[in-house]
Amino acid sequence: MSHNHSVSEGVSCIHHPTRTSQIGAICIISASSSTAIQFGDRCRTDARLMALAVQRKEDHAKSGDVYFESYRIFSRPNPILIDPEFDEGRVIRTTRTNCDPCIRVGFIRVIAAGNSSSIHIGNGQCVSGQARVKHIRQYPKEKMTQPIISSHNQPAMASP
C-alpha cells in the first residue's frame, strides 16, 4: 500500500512571537463552503473540499444515489512536488525580525470567497488547500426521430 504525503504533513511549526492584527474595517459579501477568514498568525492550514454537484431531471429517490467512491477524482492521490534543490538540502532560508509586531490593515472589501478559499491577514506558515468537484448532469437521452421530408420539392407522380 502506498502513501502520499501532503505538503503540510510532517512539517512542524516554528515558534514565532505572537503578533497583533489591527483591521480598520472589513466587508465580505459572500463566503462559501470551507472558506476560512482569519486575522492574526496561524501555524497550519489544511483546507479541503469534496463536492458532488448533481443536476437531474428525475427525483433523487427515483434515480438512485450518487457516491464519492463512484468517481476516480475523489480517490486519486495528490500530486507530489519534485524539487531536487529542496531534496538535496539547498533551501534558501530567510529570517525576519519585526520591530513592531503589529499587522495594520486599513479597509478590506471582498465580493466573494469561493470554495476552500482563505482570507488571512497575518503569517500563514504551512498552507495546504485542495478542492475536488465533480459536476454531474443526468438527463434521459432524447429519442432520435427521422427527419420529415417535404413532398413539395418532389416531382408529382402520375396516377395510373
Protein backbone atom coordinates (compact mmCIF):
# COMPACT_ATOMS: atom_id res chain seq x y z
CA MET A 1 0.00 0.00 0.00
CA SER A 2 1.49 3.35 -0.99
CA HIS A 3 1.05 6.56 0.94
CA ASN A 4 1.44 10.05 -0.47
CA HIS A 5 2.40 12.83 1.90
CA SER A 6 0.61 16.12 1.56
CA VAL A 7 2.66 19.30 1.57
CA SER A 8 1.92 20.02 5.21
CA GLU A 9 2.42 16.51 6.65
CA GLY A 10 5.42 16.12 8.87
CA VAL A 11 6.15 19.86 8.90
CA SER A 12 6.38 21.25 12.40
CA CYS A 13 5.53 24.85 13.07
CA ILE A 14 8.37 27.14 14.00
CA HIS A 15 7.61 29.25 17.04
CA HIS A 16 7.18 32.94 16.23
CA PRO A 17 6.29 35.68 18.68
CA THR A 18 2.59 36.44 18.79
CA ARG A 19 1.58 39.41 16.69
CA THR A 20 -1.43 41.65 16.83
CA SER A 21 -3.66 42.35 13.84
CA GLN A 22 -5.41 45.71 13.54
CA ILE A 23 -8.03 45.92 10.81
CA GLY A 24 -9.88 49.18 10.24
CA ALA A 25 -12.91 47.60 8.53
CA ILE A 26 -13.78 44.54 6.51
CA CYS A 27 -16.78 43.92 4.27
CA ILE A 28 -17.34 40.37 2.99
CA ILE A 29 -20.39 39.97 0.78
CA SER A 30 -20.19 36.19 0.25
CA ALA A 31 -18.07 33.38 1.68
CA SER A 32 -18.99 29.89 0.51
CA SER A 33 -18.18 26.32 1.59
CA SER A 34 -14.96 25.72 3.53
CA THR A 35 -13.88 29.37 3.42
CA ALA A 36 -11.59 30.39 6.28
CA ILE A 37 -11.38 34.02 7.38
CA GLN A 38 -8.71 34.73 9.96
CA PHE A 39 -6.98 37.76 11.40
CA GLY A 40 -3.63 37.05 13.00
CA ASP A 41 -0.97 34.43 12.65
CA ARG A 42 -1.59 30.75 12.20
CA CYS A 43 0.74 27.84 12.09
CA ARG A 44 -1.02 25.39 9.84
CA THR A 45 -3.90 25.41 7.38
CA ASP A 46 -5.12 22.22 5.77
CA ALA A 47 -8.27 23.15 3.84
CA ARG A 48 -10.15 20.55 1.83
CA LEU A 49 -13.44 20.43 -0.05
CA MET A 50 -15.00 17.48 -1.85
CA ALA A 51 -18.30 18.14 -3.62
CA LEU A 52 -20.71 16.37 -5.93
CA ALA A 53 -22.91 18.70 -7.93
CA VAL A 54 -25.74 16.61 -9.37
CA GLN A 55 -28.37 18.00 -11.71
CA ARG A 56 -31.17 15.59 -12.62
CA LYS A 57 -34.45 15.62 -14.46
CA GLU A 58 -35.90 12.92 -12.17
CA ASP A 59 -36.39 12.93 -8.42
CA HIS A 60 -33.35 11.69 -6.46
CA ALA A 61 -35.48 8.96 -4.84
CA LYS A 62 -36.32 7.50 -8.29
CA SER A 63 -32.91 7.79 -9.93
CA GLY A 64 -30.69 6.47 -7.10
CA ASP A 65 -27.89 7.88 -5.00
CA VAL A 66 -24.52 9.15 -6.19
CA TYR A 67 -21.43 8.35 -4.10
CA PHE A 68 -17.94 9.87 -3.97
CA GLU A 69 -16.47 6.36 -4.37
CA SER A 70 -18.02 6.12 -7.84
CA TYR A 71 -15.71 8.77 -9.26
CA ARG A 72 -11.93 8.44 -9.52
CA ILE A 73 -11.30 12.16 -8.97
CA PHE A 74 -12.06 11.71 -5.24
CA SER A 75 -9.60 8.84 -4.70
CA ARG A 76 -6.75 9.97 -6.94
CA PRO A 77 -3.53 10.65 -4.97
CA ASN A 78 -2.32 14.20 -4.52
CA PRO A 79 0.44 15.29 -6.90
CA ILE A 80 3.93 15.06 -5.47
CA LEU A 81 6.23 18.06 -5.68
CA ILE A 82 9.56 17.13 -7.25
CA ASP A 83 12.17 19.68 -6.20
CA PRO A 84 15.80 18.44 -6.42
CA GLU A 85 17.08 21.64 -4.76
CA PHE A 86 14.92 21.01 -1.70
CA ASP A 87 15.64 17.26 -1.65
CA GLU A 88 19.40 17.96 -1.57
CA GLY A 89 19.04 20.45 1.29
CA ARG A 90 19.80 23.52 -0.83
CA VAL A 91 16.98 25.65 0.50
CA ILE A 92 17.04 29.41 0.86
CA ARG A 93 16.20 30.30 4.42
CA THR A 94 15.11 33.78 5.42
CA THR A 95 14.97 35.30 8.85
CA ARG A 96 12.89 38.34 9.63
CA THR A 97 12.65 40.38 12.78
CA ASN A 98 9.59 42.56 13.11
CA CYS A 99 10.49 45.54 15.28
CA ASP A 100 6.80 46.39 15.54
CA PRO A 101 4.99 43.06 15.61
CA CYS A 102 1.64 44.53 14.58
CA ILE A 103 -0.08 43.95 11.25
CA ARG A 104 -2.03 47.05 10.26
CA VAL A 105 -4.62 46.93 7.51
CA GLY A 106 -6.99 49.74 6.58
CA PHE A 107 -10.11 48.56 4.70
CA ILE A 108 -10.73 45.23 3.01
CA ARG A 109 -13.66 44.60 0.67
CA VAL A 110 -14.27 41.06 -0.57
CA ILE A 111 -17.04 40.45 -3.08
CA ALA A 112 -16.83 36.65 -2.94
CA ALA A 113 -14.58 33.98 -1.49
CA GLY A 114 -15.07 30.66 -3.27
CA ASN A 115 -14.90 27.08 -2.12
CA SER A 116 -11.88 26.20 0.02
CA SER A 117 -10.51 29.73 -0.12
CA SER A 118 -8.71 31.55 2.63
CA ILE A 119 -8.76 35.23 3.59
CA HIS A 120 -5.92 35.67 6.01
CA ILE A 121 -4.27 38.73 7.48
CA GLY A 122 -1.13 37.58 9.23
CA ASN A 123 1.53 34.93 8.88
CA GLY A 124 0.40 31.62 7.42
CA GLN A 125 3.30 29.28 7.84
CA CYS A 126 2.15 25.94 6.40
CA VAL A 127 -0.74 26.26 3.96
CA SER A 128 -2.25 23.36 2.03
CA GLY A 129 -5.51 23.52 0.12
CA GLN A 130 -7.46 21.25 -2.17
CA ALA A 131 -10.84 21.29 -3.89
CA ARG A 132 -12.30 18.42 -5.87
CA VAL A 133 -15.66 18.96 -7.52
CA LYS A 134 -17.47 16.59 -9.88
CA HIS A 135 -20.35 18.08 -11.87
CA ILE A 136 -22.90 15.50 -12.99
CA ARG A 137 -25.87 16.09 -15.24
CA GLN A 138 -28.24 13.16 -15.57
CA TYR A 139 -30.91 13.57 -18.22
CA PRO A 140 -32.55 10.87 -20.33
CA LYS A 141 -31.38 10.76 -23.94
CA GLU A 142 -33.78 12.31 -26.40
CA LYS A 143 -35.31 9.83 -28.84
CA MET A 144 -33.98 10.22 -32.34
CA THR A 145 -36.66 10.73 -34.96
CA GLN A 146 -36.39 10.51 -38.72
CA PRO A 147 -36.49 13.87 -40.46
CA ILE A 148 -39.73 14.62 -42.27
CA ILE A 149 -39.11 15.18 -45.96
CA SER A 150 -41.48 17.63 -47.50
CA SER A 151 -43.18 16.44 -50.67
CA HIS A 152 -43.29 20.00 -52.04
CA ASN A 153 -39.91 19.59 -53.70
CA GLN A 154 -40.62 16.13 -55.06
CA PRO A 155 -41.86 15.73 -58.61
CA ALA A 156 -45.51 14.79 -58.73
CA MET A 157 -46.22 11.16 -59.53
CA ALA A 158 -48.71 10.48 -62.26
CA SER A 159 -51.64 8.45 -61.13
CA PRO A 160 -52.38 5.28 -63.00
